[in-house]
Amino acid sequence: MDDEPKLEEKPSHEDNSFRKIINVAVVIMLVGLIFIALLTFFFSMQEAISVLFHPQYAPLIKAIFSLVIIGVGMYLVKMFLSI
């Protein structure tokens, strides 16, 4: 029984580290795309506010919109950091 050649098994550690690197790279790319989409959405909403509301009230609505975005962003960061 000892005469049988032993098959060398690759450690699963290498496979797991490669998958972790791929997963991190994918997450970084997705976060970048989300950030670009968020900026595009923000500036598009700023333009839409300028068009939809009376020029007298547009700065106030833009400020409220920006404040809401900041609040939601802070809530999401706090939620993800508490995990």
PDB file of N, CA and C in Angstrom:
ATOM      1  N   MET A   1       0.808  -1.189   0.000  1.00  0.00           N
ATOM      2  CA  MET A   1       0.000   0.000   0.000  1.00  0.00           C
ATOM      3  C   MET A   1       0.853   1.255   0.000  1.00  0.00           C
ATOM      4  N   ASP A   2       2.023   1.197   0.602  1.00  0.00           N
ATOM      5  CA  ASP A   2       2.894   2.354   0.635  1.00  0.00           C
ATOM      6  C   ASP A   2       3.584   2.594  -0.694  1.00  0.00           C
ATOM      7  N   ASP A   3       3.493   1.604  -1.604  1.00  0.00           N
ATOM      8  CA  ASP A   3       4.148   1.732  -2.906  1.00  0.00           C
ATOM      9  C   ASP A   3       3.376   2.615  -3.872  1.00  0.00           C
ATOM     10  N   GLU A   4       2.113   2.943  -3.562  1.00  0.00           N
ATOM     11  CA  GLU A   4       1.293   3.769  -4.448  1.00  0.00           C
ATOM     12  C   GLU A   4       1.817   5.196  -4.444  1.00  0.00           C
ATOM     13  N   PRO A   5       1.928   5.771  -5.633  1.00  0.00           N
ATOM     14  CA  PRO A   5       2.403   7.167  -5.677  1.00  0.00           C
ATOM     15  C   PRO A   5       1.328   8.092  -5.095  1.00  0.00           C
ATOM     16  N   LYS A   6       1.781   9.013  -4.319  1.00  0.00           N
ATOM     17  CA  LYS A   6       0.855   9.976  -3.708  1.00  0.00           C
ATOM     18  C   LYS A   6       0.652  11.149  -4.656  1.00  0.00           C
ATOM     19  N   LEU A   7      -0.563  11.534  -4.826  1.00  0.00           N
ATOM     20  CA  LEU A   7      -0.881  12.692  -5.656  1.00  0.00           C
ATOM     21  C   LEU A   7      -0.679  13.943  -4.824  1.00  0.00           C
ATOM     22  N   GLU A   8       0.025  14.878  -5.381  1.00  0.00           N
ATOM     23  CA  GLU A   8       0.231  16.128  -4.658  1.00  0.00           C
ATOM     24  C   GLU A   8      -1.007  16.991  -4.811  1.00  0.00           C
ATOM     25  N   GLU A   9      -1.529  17.389  -3.706  1.00  0.00           N
ATOM     26  CA  GLU A   9      -2.704  18.252  -3.719  1.00  0.00           C
ATOM     27  C   GLU A   9      -2.260  19.685  -3.520  1.00  0.00           C
ATOM     28  N   LYS A  10      -2.787  20.536  -4.353  1.00  0.00           N
ATOM     29  CA  LYS A  10      -2.496  21.960  -4.184  1.00  0.00           C
ATOM     30  C   LYS A  10      -3.267  22.462  -2.980  1.00  0.00           C
ATOM     31  N   PRO A  11      -2.630  23.256  -2.191  1.00  0.00           N
ATOM     32  CA  PRO A  11      -3.368  23.779  -1.036  1.00  0.00           C
ATOM     33  C   PRO A  11      -4.519  24.669  -1.479  1.00  0.00           C
ATOM     34  N   SER A  12      -5.605  24.535  -0.784  1.00  0.00           N
ATOM     35  CA  SER A  12      -6.782  25.337  -1.134  1.00  0.00           C
ATOM     36  C   SER A  12      -6.574  26.805  -0.766  1.00  0.00           C
ATOM     37  N   HIS A  13      -5.526  27.078  -0.007  1.00  0.00           N
ATOM     38  CA  HIS A  13      -5.218  28.449   0.392  1.00  0.00           C
ATOM     39  C   HIS A  13      -4.949  29.317  -0.837  1.00  0.00           C
ATOM     40  N   GLU A  14      -4.247  28.770  -1.831  1.00  0.00           N
ATOM     41  CA  GLU A  14      -3.950  29.537  -3.047  1.00  0.00           C
ATOM     42  C   GLU A  14      -5.228  29.850  -3.815  1.00  0.00           C
ATOM     43  N   ASP A  15      -6.118  28.874  -3.892  1.00  0.00           N
ATOM     44  CA  ASP A  15      -7.384  29.091  -4.593  1.00  0.00           C
ATOM     45  C   ASP A  15      -8.223  30.151  -3.883  1.00  0.00           C
ATOM     46  N   ASN A  16      -8.261  30.086  -2.568  1.00  0.00           N
ATOM     47  CA  ASN A  16      -9.052  31.057  -1.810  1.00  0.00           C
ATOM     48  C   ASN A  16      -8.475  32.456  -1.930  1.00  0.00           C
ATOM     49  N   SER A  17      -7.151  32.587  -1.907  1.00  0.00           N
ATOM     50  CA  SER A  17      -6.566  33.920  -2.003  1.00  0.00           C
ATOM     51  C   SER A  17      -6.787  34.506  -3.397  1.00  0.00           C
ATOM     52  N   PHE A  18      -6.713  33.659  -4.432  1.00  0.00           N
ATOM     53  CA  PHE A  18      -6.970  34.148  -5.793  1.00  0.00           C
ATOM     54  C   PHE A  18      -8.420  34.602  -5.925  1.00  0.00           C
ATOM     55  N   ARG A  19      -9.331  33.840  -5.372  1.00  0.00           N
ATOM     56  CA  ARG A  19     -10.747  34.224  -5.429  1.00  0.00           C
ATOM     57  C   ARG A  19     -10.989  35.504  -4.649  1.00  0.00           C
ATOM     58  N   LYS A  20     -10.314  35.667  -3.518  1.00  0.00           N
ATOM     59  CA  LYS A  20     -10.460  36.898  -2.751  1.00  0.00           C
ATOM     60  C   LYS A  20      -9.985  38.094  -3.553  1.00  0.00           C
ATOM     61  N   ILE A  21      -8.865  37.941  -4.246  1.00  0.00           N
ATOM     62  CA  ILE A  21      -8.331  39.036  -5.063  1.00  0.00           C
ATOM     63  C   ILE A  21      -9.310  39.388  -6.173  1.00  0.00           C
ATOM     64  N   ILE A  22      -9.870  38.384  -6.825  1.00  0.00           N
ATOM     65  CA  ILE A  22     -10.848  38.624  -7.896  1.00  0.00           C
ATOM     66  C   ILE A  22     -12.090  39.303  -7.324  1.00  0.00           C
ATOM     67  N   ASN A  23     -12.565  38.820  -6.184  1.00  0.00           N
ATOM     68  CA  ASN A  23     -13.755  39.421  -5.570  1.00  0.00           C
ATOM     69  C   ASN A  23     -13.511  40.869  -5.191  1.00  0.00           C
ATOM     70  N   VAL A  24     -12.345  41.156  -4.621  1.00  0.00           N
ATOM     71  CA  VAL A  24     -12.025  42.537  -4.244  1.00  0.00           C
ATOM     72  C   VAL A  24     -11.946  43.415  -5.481  1.00  0.00           C
ATOM     73  N   ALA A  25     -11.343  42.916  -6.548  1.00  0.00           N
ATOM     74  CA  ALA A  25     -11.243  43.696  -7.788  1.00  0.00           C
ATOM     75  C   ALA A  25     -12.624  43.992  -8.362  1.00  0.00           C
ATOM     76  N   VAL A  26     -13.500  43.015  -8.346  1.00  0.00           N
ATOM     77  CA  VAL A  26     -14.862  43.215  -8.862  1.00  0.00           C
ATOM     78  C   VAL A  26     -15.604  44.231  -8.003  1.00  0.00           C
ATOM     79  N   VAL A  27     -15.463  44.122  -6.686  1.00  0.00           N
ATOM     80  CA  VAL A  27     -16.143  45.064  -5.794  1.00  0.00           C
ATOM     81  C   VAL A  27     -15.623  46.480  -6.019  1.00  0.00           C
ATOM     82  N   ILE A  28     -14.314  46.638  -6.187  1.00  0.00           N
ATOM     83  CA  ILE A  28     -13.740  47.967  -6.430  1.00  0.00           C
ATOM     84  C   ILE A  28     -14.271  48.553  -7.734  1.00  0.00           C
ATOM     85  N   MET A  29     -14.354  47.743  -8.780  1.00  0.00           N
ATOM     86  CA  MET A  29     -14.893  48.237 -10.051  1.00  0.00           C
ATOM     87  C   MET A  29     -16.360  48.624  -9.914  1.00  0.00           C
ATOM     88  N   LEU A  30     -17.141  47.813  -9.207  1.00  0.00           N
ATOM     89  CA  LEU A  30     -18.558  48.137  -9.025  1.00  0.00           C
ATOM     90  C   LEU A  30     -18.750  49.398  -8.202  1.00  0.00           C
ATOM     91  N   VAL A  31     -17.946  49.571  -7.173  1.00  0.00           N
ATOM     92  CA  VAL A  31     -18.043  50.790  -6.371  1.00  0.00           C
ATOM     93  C   VAL A  31     -17.693  52.011  -7.222  1.00  0.00           C
ATOM     94  N   GLY A  32     -16.689  51.884  -8.072  1.00  0.00           N
ATOM     95  CA  GLY A  32     -16.343  52.978  -8.979  1.00  0.00           C
ATOM     96  C   GLY A  32     -17.481  53.321  -9.920  1.00  0.00           C
ATOM     97  N   LEU A  33     -18.103  52.296 -10.495  1.00  0.00           N
ATOM     98  CA  LEU A  33     -19.241  52.540 -11.389  1.00  0.00           C
ATOM     99  C   LEU A  33     -20.420  53.163 -10.647  1.00  0.00           C
ATOM    100  N   ILE A  34     -20.661  52.698  -9.432  1.00  0.00           N
ATOM    101  CA  ILE A  34     -21.741  53.271  -8.631  1.00  0.00           C
ATOM    102  C   ILE A  34     -21.451  54.730  -8.309  1.00  0.00           C
ATOM    103  N   PHE A  35     -20.202  55.047  -7.986  1.00  0.00           N
ATOM    104  CA  PHE A  35     -19.822  56.422  -7.685  1.00  0.00           C
ATOM    105  C   PHE A  35     -20.021  57.326  -8.895  1.00  0.00           C
ATOM    106  N   ILE A  36     -19.636  56.853 -10.084  1.00  0.00           N
ATOM    107  CA  ILE A  36     -19.832  57.637 -11.310  1.00  0.00           C
ATOM    108  C   ILE A  36     -21.322  57.839 -11.570  1.00  0.00           C
ATOM    109  N   ALA A  37     -22.113  56.776 -11.398  1.00  0.00           N
ATOM    110  CA  ALA A  37     -23.564  56.885 -11.605  1.00  0.00           C
ATOM    111  C   ALA A  37     -24.189  57.844 -10.599  1.00  0.00           C
ATOM    112  N   LEU A  38     -23.692  57.816  -9.362  1.00  0.00           N
ATOM    113  CA  LEU A  38     -24.226  58.714  -8.344  1.00  0.00           C
ATOM    114  C   LEU A  38     -23.923  60.169  -8.687  1.00  0.00           C
ATOM    115  N   LEU A  39     -22.715  60.440  -9.137  1.00  0.00           N
ATOM    116  CA  LEU A  39     -22.375  61.814  -9.530  1.00  0.00           C
ATOM    117  C   LEU A  39     -23.220  62.276 -10.713  1.00  0.00           C
ATOM    118  N   THR A  40     -23.390  61.404 -11.692  1.00  0.00           N
ATOM    119  CA  THR A  40     -24.211  61.742 -12.856  1.00  0.00           C
ATOM    120  C   THR A  40     -25.649  62.016 -12.430  1.00  0.00           C
ATOM    121  N   PHE A  41     -26.180  61.162 -11.561  1.00  0.00           N
ATOM    122  CA  PHE A  41     -27.544  61.362 -11.065  1.00  0.00           C
ATOM    123  C   PHE A  41     -27.661  62.674 -10.301  1.00  0.00           C
ATOM    124  N   PHE A  42     -26.684  62.976  -9.457  1.00  0.00           N
ATOM    125  CA  PHE A  42     -26.730  64.191  -8.651  1.00  0.00           C
ATOM    126  C   PHE A  42     -26.780  65.435  -9.535  1.00  0.00           C
ATOM    127  N   PHE A  43     -25.887  65.501 -10.524  1.00  0.00           N
ATOM    128  CA  PHE A  43     -25.847  66.693 -11.371  1.00  0.00           C
ATOM    129  C   PHE A  43     -27.055  66.761 -12.301  1.00  0.00           C
ATOM    130  N   SER A  44     -27.582  65.621 -12.713  1.00  0.00           N
ATOM    131  CA  SER A  44     -28.802  65.622 -13.520  1.00  0.00           C
ATOM    132  C   SER A  44     -29.990  66.123 -12.701  1.00  0.00           C
ATOM    133  N   MET A  45     -30.047  65.715 -11.450  1.00  0.00           N
ATOM    134  CA  MET A  45     -31.128  66.205 -10.588  1.00  0.00           C
ATOM    135  C   MET A  45     -30.998  67.701 -10.336  1.00  0.00           C
ATOM    136  N   GLN A  46     -29.773  68.193 -10.223  1.00  0.00           N
ATOM    137  CA  GLN A  46     -29.575  69.632 -10.051  1.00  0.00           C
ATOM    138  C   GLN A  46     -30.134  70.389 -11.262  1.00  0.00           C
ATOM    139  N   GLU A  47     -29.877  69.872 -12.452  1.00  0.00           N
ATOM    140  CA  GLU A  47     -30.411  70.518 -13.667  1.00  0.00           C
ATOM    141  C   GLU A  47     -31.931  70.412 -13.709  1.00  0.00           C
ATOM    142  N   ALA A  48     -32.466  69.240 -13.339  1.00  0.00           N
ATOM    143  CA  ALA A  48     -33.912  69.045 -13.360  1.00  0.00           C
ATOM    144  C   ALA A  48     -34.596  69.986 -12.369  1.00  0.00           C
ATOM    145  N   ILE A  49     -33.988  70.188 -11.235  1.00  0.00           N
ATOM    146  CA  ILE A  49     -34.549  71.117 -10.247  1.00  0.00           C
ATOM    147  C   ILE A  49     -34.578  72.528 -10.822  1.00  0.00           C
ATOM    148  N   SER A  50     -33.510  72.901 -11.523  1.00  0.00           N
ATOM    149  CA  SER A  50     -33.464  74.242 -12.124  1.00  0.00           C
ATOM    150  C   SER A  50     -34.565  74.432 -13.157  1.00  0.00           C
ATOM    151  N   VAL A  51     -34.881  73.369 -13.883  1.00  0.00           N
ATOM    152  CA  VAL A  51     -35.894  73.463 -14.933  1.00  0.00           C
ATOM    153  C   VAL A  51     -37.304  73.405 -14.345  1.00  0.00           C
ATOM    154  N   LEU A  52     -37.518  72.558 -13.367  1.00  0.00           N
ATOM    155  CA  LEU A  52     -38.868  72.313 -12.864  1.00  0.00           C
ATOM    156  C   LEU A  52     -39.387  73.383 -11.908  1.00  0.00           C
ATOM    157  N   PHE A  53     -38.499  73.988 -11.150  1.00  0.00           N
ATOM    158  CA  PHE A  53     -38.941  74.929 -10.130  1.00  0.00           C
ATOM    159  C   PHE A  53     -38.665  76.367 -10.543  1.00  0.00           C
ATOM    160  N   HIS A  54     -39.404  77.251  -9.974  1.00  0.00           N
ATOM    161  CA  HIS A  54     -39.230  78.680 -10.228  1.00  0.00           C
ATOM    162  C   HIS A  54     -37.805  79.066  -9.839  1.00  0.00           C
ATOM    163  N   PRO A  55     -37.152  79.915 -10.649  1.00  0.00           N
ATOM    164  CA  PRO A  55     -35.759  80.289 -10.350  1.00  0.00           C
ATOM    165  C   PRO A  55     -35.544  80.840  -8.941  1.00  0.00           C
ATOM    166  N   GLN A  56     -36.591  81.432  -8.386  1.00  0.00           N
ATOM    167  CA  GLN A  56     -36.468  81.978  -7.041  1.00  0.00           C
ATOM    168  C   GLN A  56     -36.277  80.867  -6.002  1.00  0.00           C
ATOM    169  N   TYR A  57     -36.922  79.702  -6.219  1.00  0.00           N
ATOM    170  CA  TYR A  57     -36.883  78.620  -5.238  1.00  0.00           C
ATOM    171  C   TYR A  57     -35.878  77.519  -5.580  1.00  0.00           C
ATOM    172  N   ALA A  58     -35.277  77.556  -6.747  1.00  0.00           N
ATOM    173  CA  ALA A  58     -34.364  76.503  -7.181  1.00  0.00           C
ATOM    174  C   ALA A  58     -33.179  76.312  -6.224  1.00  0.00           C
ATOM    175  N   PRO A  59     -32.509  77.388  -5.763  1.00  0.00           N
ATOM    176  CA  PRO A  59     -31.395  77.169  -4.828  1.00  0.00           C
ATOM    177  C   PRO A  59     -31.822  76.488  -3.529  1.00  0.00           C
ATOM    178  N   LEU A  60     -33.005  76.822  -3.027  1.00  0.00           N
ATOM    179  CA  LEU A  60     -33.497  76.196  -1.802  1.00  0.00           C
ATOM    180  C   LEU A  60     -33.761  74.711  -2.021  1.00  0.00           C
ATOM    181  N   ILE A  61     -34.397  74.353  -3.118  1.00  0.00           N
ATOM    182  CA  ILE A  61     -34.685  72.953  -3.417  1.00  0.00           C
ATOM    183  C   ILE A  61     -33.375  72.190  -3.630  1.00  0.00           C
ATOM    184  N   LYS A  62     -32.390  72.811  -4.312  1.00  0.00           N
ATOM    185  CA  LYS A  62     -31.092  72.159  -4.510  1.00  0.00           C
ATOM    186  C   LYS A  62     -30.402  71.908  -3.171  1.00  0.00           C
ATOM    187  N   ALA A  63     -30.487  72.868  -2.269  1.00  0.00           N
ATOM    188  CA  ALA A  63     -29.869  72.703  -0.951  1.00  0.00           C
ATOM    189  C   ALA A  63     -30.541  71.573  -0.171  1.00  0.00           C
ATOM    190  N   ILE A  64     -31.853  71.502  -0.235  1.00  0.00           N
ATOM    191  CA  ILE A  64     -32.580  70.428   0.451  1.00  0.00           C
ATOM    192  C   ILE A  64     -32.216  69.074  -0.144  1.00  0.00           C
ATOM    193  N   PHE A  65     -32.158  69.003  -1.463  1.00  0.00           N
ATOM    194  CA  PHE A  65     -31.784  67.759  -2.138  1.00  0.00           C
ATOM    195  C   PHE A  65     -30.373  67.339  -1.725  1.00  0.00           C
ATOM    196  N   SER A  66     -29.433  68.275  -1.702  1.00  0.00           N
ATOM    197  CA  SER A  66     -28.059  67.959  -1.301  1.00  0.00           C
ATOM    198  C   SER A  66     -28.007  67.488   0.144  1.00  0.00           C
ATOM    199  N   LEU A  67     -28.790  68.109   1.002  1.00  0.00           N
ATOM    200  CA  LEU A  67     -28.828  67.711   2.406  1.00  0.00           C
ATOM    201  C   LEU A  67     -29.379  66.299   2.565  1.00  0.00           C
ATOM    202  N   VAL A  68     -30.404  65.970   1.800  1.00  0.00           N
ATOM    203  CA  VAL A  68     -30.965  64.617   1.839  1.00  0.00           C
ATOM    204  C   VAL A  68     -29.925  63.602   1.373  1.00  0.00           C
ATOM    205  N   ILE A  69     -29.200  63.914   0.306  1.00  0.00           N
ATOM    206  CA  ILE A  69     -28.157  63.012  -0.203  1.00  0.00           C
ATOM    207  C   ILE A  69     -27.069  62.816   0.847  1.00  0.00           C
ATOM    208  N   ILE A  70     -26.653  63.879   1.508  1.00  0.00           N
ATOM    209  CA  ILE A  70     -25.637  63.768   2.554  1.00  0.00           C
ATOM    210  C   ILE A  70     -26.153  62.905   3.709  1.00  0.00           C
ATOM    211  N   GLY A  71     -27.393  63.116   4.108  1.00  0.00           N
ATOM    212  CA  GLY A  71     -27.974  62.326   5.195  1.00  0.00           C
ATOM    213  C   GLY A  71     -28.053  60.848   4.863  1.00  0.00           C
ATOM    214  N   VAL A  72     -28.518  60.531   3.674  1.00  0.00           N
ATOM    215  CA  VAL A  72     -28.608  59.129   3.254  1.00  0.00           C
ATOM    216  C   VAL A  72     -27.208  58.517   3.172  1.00  0.00           C
ATOM    217  N   GLY A  73     -26.258  59.264   2.631  1.00  0.00           N
ATOM    218  CA  GLY A  73     -24.885  58.766   2.544  1.00  0.00           C
ATOM    219  C   GLY A  73     -24.279  58.490   3.908  1.00  0.00           C
ATOM    220  N   MET A  74     -24.491  59.394   4.849  1.00  0.00           N
ATOM    221  CA  MET A  74     -23.963  59.196   6.199  1.00  0.00           C
ATOM    222  C   MET A  74     -24.624  57.989   6.872  1.00  0.00           C
ATOM    223  N   TYR A  75     -25.923  57.826   6.660  1.00  0.00           N
ATOM    224  CA  TYR A  75     -26.626  56.679   7.233  1.00  0.00           C
ATOM    225  C   TYR A  75     -26.074  55.372   6.669  1.00  0.00           C
ATOM    226  N   LEU A  76     -25.862  55.314   5.352  1.00  0.00           N
ATOM    227  CA  LEU A  76     -25.341  54.097   4.734  1.00  0.00           C
ATOM    228  C   LEU A  76     -23.931  53.788   5.208  1.00  0.00           C
ATOM    229  N   VAL A  77     -23.081  54.809   5.330  1.00  0.00           N
ATOM    230  CA  VAL A  77     -21.722  54.592   5.822  1.00  0.00           C
ATOM    231  C   VAL A  77     -21.766  54.079   7.255  1.00  0.00           C
ATOM    232  N   LYS A  78     -22.604  54.672   8.087  1.00  0.00           N
ATOM    233  CA  LYS A  78     -22.726  54.226   9.473  1.00  0.00           C
ATOM    234  C   LYS A  78     -23.242  52.784   9.537  1.00  0.00           C
ATOM    235  N   MET A  79     -24.202  52.446   8.675  1.00  0.00           N
ATOM    236  CA  MET A  79     -24.754  51.105   8.656  1.00  0.00           C
ATOM    237  C   MET A  79     -23.699  50.078   8.245  1.00  0.00           C
ATOM    238  N   PHE A  80     -22.894  50.392   7.216  1.00  0.00           N
ATOM    239  CA  PHE A  80     -21.897  49.455   6.750  1.00  0.00           C
ATOM    240  C   PHE A  80     -20.723  49.339   7.712  1.00  0.00           C
ATOM    241  N   LEU A  81     -20.383  50.409   8.422  1.00  0.00           N
ATOM    242  CA  LEU A  81     -19.277  50.339   9.357  1.00  0.00           C
ATOM    243  C   LEU A  81     -19.643  49.625  10.645  1.00  0.00           C
ATOM    244  N   SER A  82     -20.914  49.560  10.963  1.00  0.00           N
ATOM    245  CA  SER A  82     -21.341  48.871  12.184  1.00  0.00           C
ATOM    246  C   SER A  82     -21.418  47.375  12.015  1.00  0.00           C
ATOM    247  N   ILE A  83     -21.341  46.904  10.791  1.00  0.00           N
ATOM    248  CA  ILE A  83     -21.450  45.444  10.539  1.00  0.00           C
ATOM    249  C   ILE A  83     -20.179  44.742  10.914  1.00  0.00           C
TER     250      ILE A  83
END
